[in-house]
N, C-alpha and C. Protein backbone atom coordinates (compact mmCIF):
# COMPACT_ATOMS: atom_id res chain seq x y z
N MET A 1 18.82 5.93 -33.55
CA MET A 1 17.39 5.67 -33.50
C MET A 1 16.67 6.87 -34.13
N ALA A 2 15.77 6.61 -34.97
CA ALA A 2 15.04 7.67 -35.66
C ALA A 2 14.07 8.36 -34.71
N ALA A 3 13.78 9.61 -34.99
CA ALA A 3 12.88 10.40 -34.14
C ALA A 3 11.51 9.74 -34.04
N SER A 4 11.00 9.21 -35.14
CA SER A 4 9.68 8.58 -35.11
C SER A 4 9.68 7.34 -34.22
N GLU A 5 10.79 6.61 -34.22
CA GLU A 5 10.89 5.43 -33.35
C GLU A 5 10.92 5.85 -31.88
N LYS A 6 11.63 6.93 -31.58
CA LYS A 6 11.66 7.45 -30.21
C LYS A 6 10.26 7.86 -29.78
N ASP A 7 9.56 8.56 -30.67
CA ASP A 7 8.20 8.99 -30.35
C ASP A 7 7.28 7.80 -30.12
N ARG A 8 7.53 6.74 -30.87
CA ARG A 8 6.70 5.54 -30.75
C ARG A 8 7.00 4.82 -29.43
N LEU A 9 8.25 4.81 -29.00
CA LEU A 9 8.64 4.09 -27.79
C LEU A 9 8.42 4.89 -26.51
N ARG A 10 8.35 6.19 -26.62
CA ARG A 10 8.25 7.05 -25.43
C ARG A 10 7.07 6.70 -24.51
N PRO A 11 5.85 6.52 -25.01
CA PRO A 11 4.74 6.20 -24.09
C PRO A 11 5.00 4.92 -23.30
N ARG A 12 5.59 3.93 -23.93
CA ARG A 12 5.90 2.67 -23.24
C ARG A 12 6.94 2.90 -22.15
N LEU A 13 7.95 3.69 -22.45
CA LEU A 13 8.99 4.00 -21.48
C LEU A 13 8.41 4.76 -20.29
N VAL A 14 7.58 5.74 -20.58
CA VAL A 14 6.94 6.51 -19.51
C VAL A 14 6.09 5.59 -18.64
N GLU A 15 5.35 4.70 -19.26
CA GLU A 15 4.51 3.75 -18.52
C GLU A 15 5.37 2.88 -17.60
N GLU A 16 6.48 2.38 -18.10
CA GLU A 16 7.36 1.54 -17.30
C GLU A 16 7.96 2.30 -16.12
N VAL A 17 8.38 3.53 -16.36
CA VAL A 17 8.97 4.34 -15.29
C VAL A 17 7.91 4.65 -14.22
N VAL A 18 6.72 5.01 -14.64
CA VAL A 18 5.65 5.30 -13.69
C VAL A 18 5.36 4.06 -12.84
N THR A 19 5.31 2.90 -13.46
CA THR A 19 5.06 1.65 -12.74
C THR A 19 6.18 1.37 -11.75
N MET A 20 7.42 1.59 -12.16
CA MET A 20 8.57 1.35 -11.28
C MET A 20 8.52 2.25 -10.05
N VAL A 21 8.05 3.46 -10.20
CA VAL A 21 7.98 4.40 -9.08
C VAL A 21 6.73 4.16 -8.24
N ARG A 22 5.62 3.92 -8.90
CA ARG A 22 4.34 3.82 -8.20
C ARG A 22 4.23 2.54 -7.38
N GLN A 23 4.68 1.41 -7.90
CA GLN A 23 4.47 0.14 -7.22
C GLN A 23 5.09 0.10 -5.83
N PRO A 24 6.34 0.52 -5.65
CA PRO A 24 6.89 0.52 -4.29
C PRO A 24 6.11 1.44 -3.34
N LEU A 25 5.61 2.56 -3.86
CA LEU A 25 4.81 3.45 -3.03
C LEU A 25 3.49 2.79 -2.63
N LEU A 26 2.86 2.12 -3.58
CA LEU A 26 1.61 1.41 -3.27
C LEU A 26 1.85 0.30 -2.26
N ASP A 27 2.96 -0.42 -2.42
CA ASP A 27 3.30 -1.48 -1.48
C ASP A 27 3.51 -0.91 -0.08
N MET A 28 4.18 0.24 0.01
CA MET A 28 4.45 0.87 1.29
C MET A 28 3.14 1.30 1.96
N VAL A 29 2.24 1.89 1.19
CA VAL A 29 0.95 2.33 1.74
C VAL A 29 0.15 1.12 2.20
N LEU A 30 0.13 0.06 1.42
CA LEU A 30 -0.59 -1.15 1.79
C LEU A 30 -0.03 -1.74 3.08
N GLU A 31 1.28 -1.77 3.21
CA GLU A 31 1.92 -2.30 4.41
C GLU A 31 1.53 -1.46 5.64
N GLU A 32 1.52 -0.14 5.49
CA GLU A 32 1.12 0.73 6.60
C GLU A 32 -0.34 0.51 6.97
N GLU A 33 -1.20 0.36 5.97
CA GLU A 33 -2.62 0.13 6.23
C GLU A 33 -2.83 -1.20 6.96
N GLU A 34 -2.11 -2.24 6.55
CA GLU A 34 -2.23 -3.53 7.20
C GLU A 34 -1.75 -3.45 8.65
N GLU A 35 -0.68 -2.70 8.89
CA GLU A 35 -0.16 -2.53 10.24
C GLU A 35 -1.18 -1.79 11.12
N GLU A 36 -1.77 -0.73 10.58
CA GLU A 36 -2.78 0.01 11.33
C GLU A 36 -4.00 -0.86 11.63
N LEU A 37 -4.41 -1.68 10.68
CA LEU A 37 -5.54 -2.58 10.88
C LEU A 37 -5.22 -3.59 11.97
N SER A 38 -4.01 -4.13 11.95
CA SER A 38 -3.59 -5.09 12.96
C SER A 38 -3.62 -4.46 14.35
N ILE A 39 -3.11 -3.24 14.46
CA ILE A 39 -3.12 -2.54 15.75
C ILE A 39 -4.55 -2.30 16.21
N ALA A 40 -5.42 -1.91 15.29
CA ALA A 40 -6.83 -1.66 15.63
C ALA A 40 -7.50 -2.95 16.10
N GLU A 41 -7.20 -4.07 15.45
CA GLU A 41 -7.78 -5.34 15.85
C GLU A 41 -7.30 -5.75 17.23
N GLU A 42 -6.00 -5.55 17.51
CA GLU A 42 -5.46 -5.87 18.83
C GLU A 42 -6.11 -5.01 19.90
N THR A 43 -6.28 -3.74 19.61
CA THR A 43 -6.91 -2.81 20.56
C THR A 43 -8.35 -3.22 20.82
N GLU A 44 -9.05 -3.62 19.77
CA GLU A 44 -10.44 -4.05 19.91
C GLU A 44 -10.52 -5.30 20.78
N GLU A 45 -9.60 -6.25 20.57
CA GLU A 45 -9.59 -7.47 21.38
C GLU A 45 -9.29 -7.15 22.84
N GLU A 46 -8.34 -6.24 23.08
CA GLU A 46 -8.00 -5.86 24.45
C GLU A 46 -9.19 -5.17 25.11
N SER A 47 -9.88 -4.31 24.39
CA SER A 47 -11.04 -3.61 24.94
C SER A 47 -12.14 -4.60 25.28
N PHE A 48 -12.37 -5.56 24.40
CA PHE A 48 -13.39 -6.58 24.65
C PHE A 48 -13.02 -7.39 25.89
N HIS A 49 -11.75 -7.76 26.00
CA HIS A 49 -11.28 -8.52 27.16
C HIS A 49 -11.48 -7.70 28.44
N ASP A 50 -11.14 -6.42 28.39
CA ASP A 50 -11.33 -5.54 29.56
C ASP A 50 -12.80 -5.47 29.95
N LEU A 51 -13.70 -5.38 28.97
CA LEU A 51 -15.13 -5.35 29.27
C LEU A 51 -15.59 -6.65 29.90
N LEU A 52 -15.07 -7.77 29.42
CA LEU A 52 -15.43 -9.05 30.02
C LEU A 52 -14.99 -9.11 31.48
N LEU A 53 -13.80 -8.61 31.76
CA LEU A 53 -13.30 -8.61 33.14
C LEU A 53 -14.17 -7.73 34.03
N LEU A 54 -14.66 -6.63 33.51
CA LEU A 54 -15.52 -5.74 34.30
C LEU A 54 -16.86 -6.38 34.62
N ASN A 55 -17.30 -7.28 33.75
CA ASN A 55 -18.61 -7.92 33.94
C ASN A 55 -18.54 -9.14 34.84
N ILE A 56 -17.34 -9.57 35.19
CA ILE A 56 -17.22 -10.80 36.01
C ILE A 56 -17.50 -10.49 37.45
């Protein structure tokens, strides 16, 4: 492969490698955020239920 062809292909290769590394990390962060949101929603529902019981 000629040097000029390597230079031409390098940005595309770098882009693909960055995407391969970044996407799983983004997926992992998104999954953690969704889990934290779910826990927060459950806690909010439990707190609301507790307040209702106190008012009865």
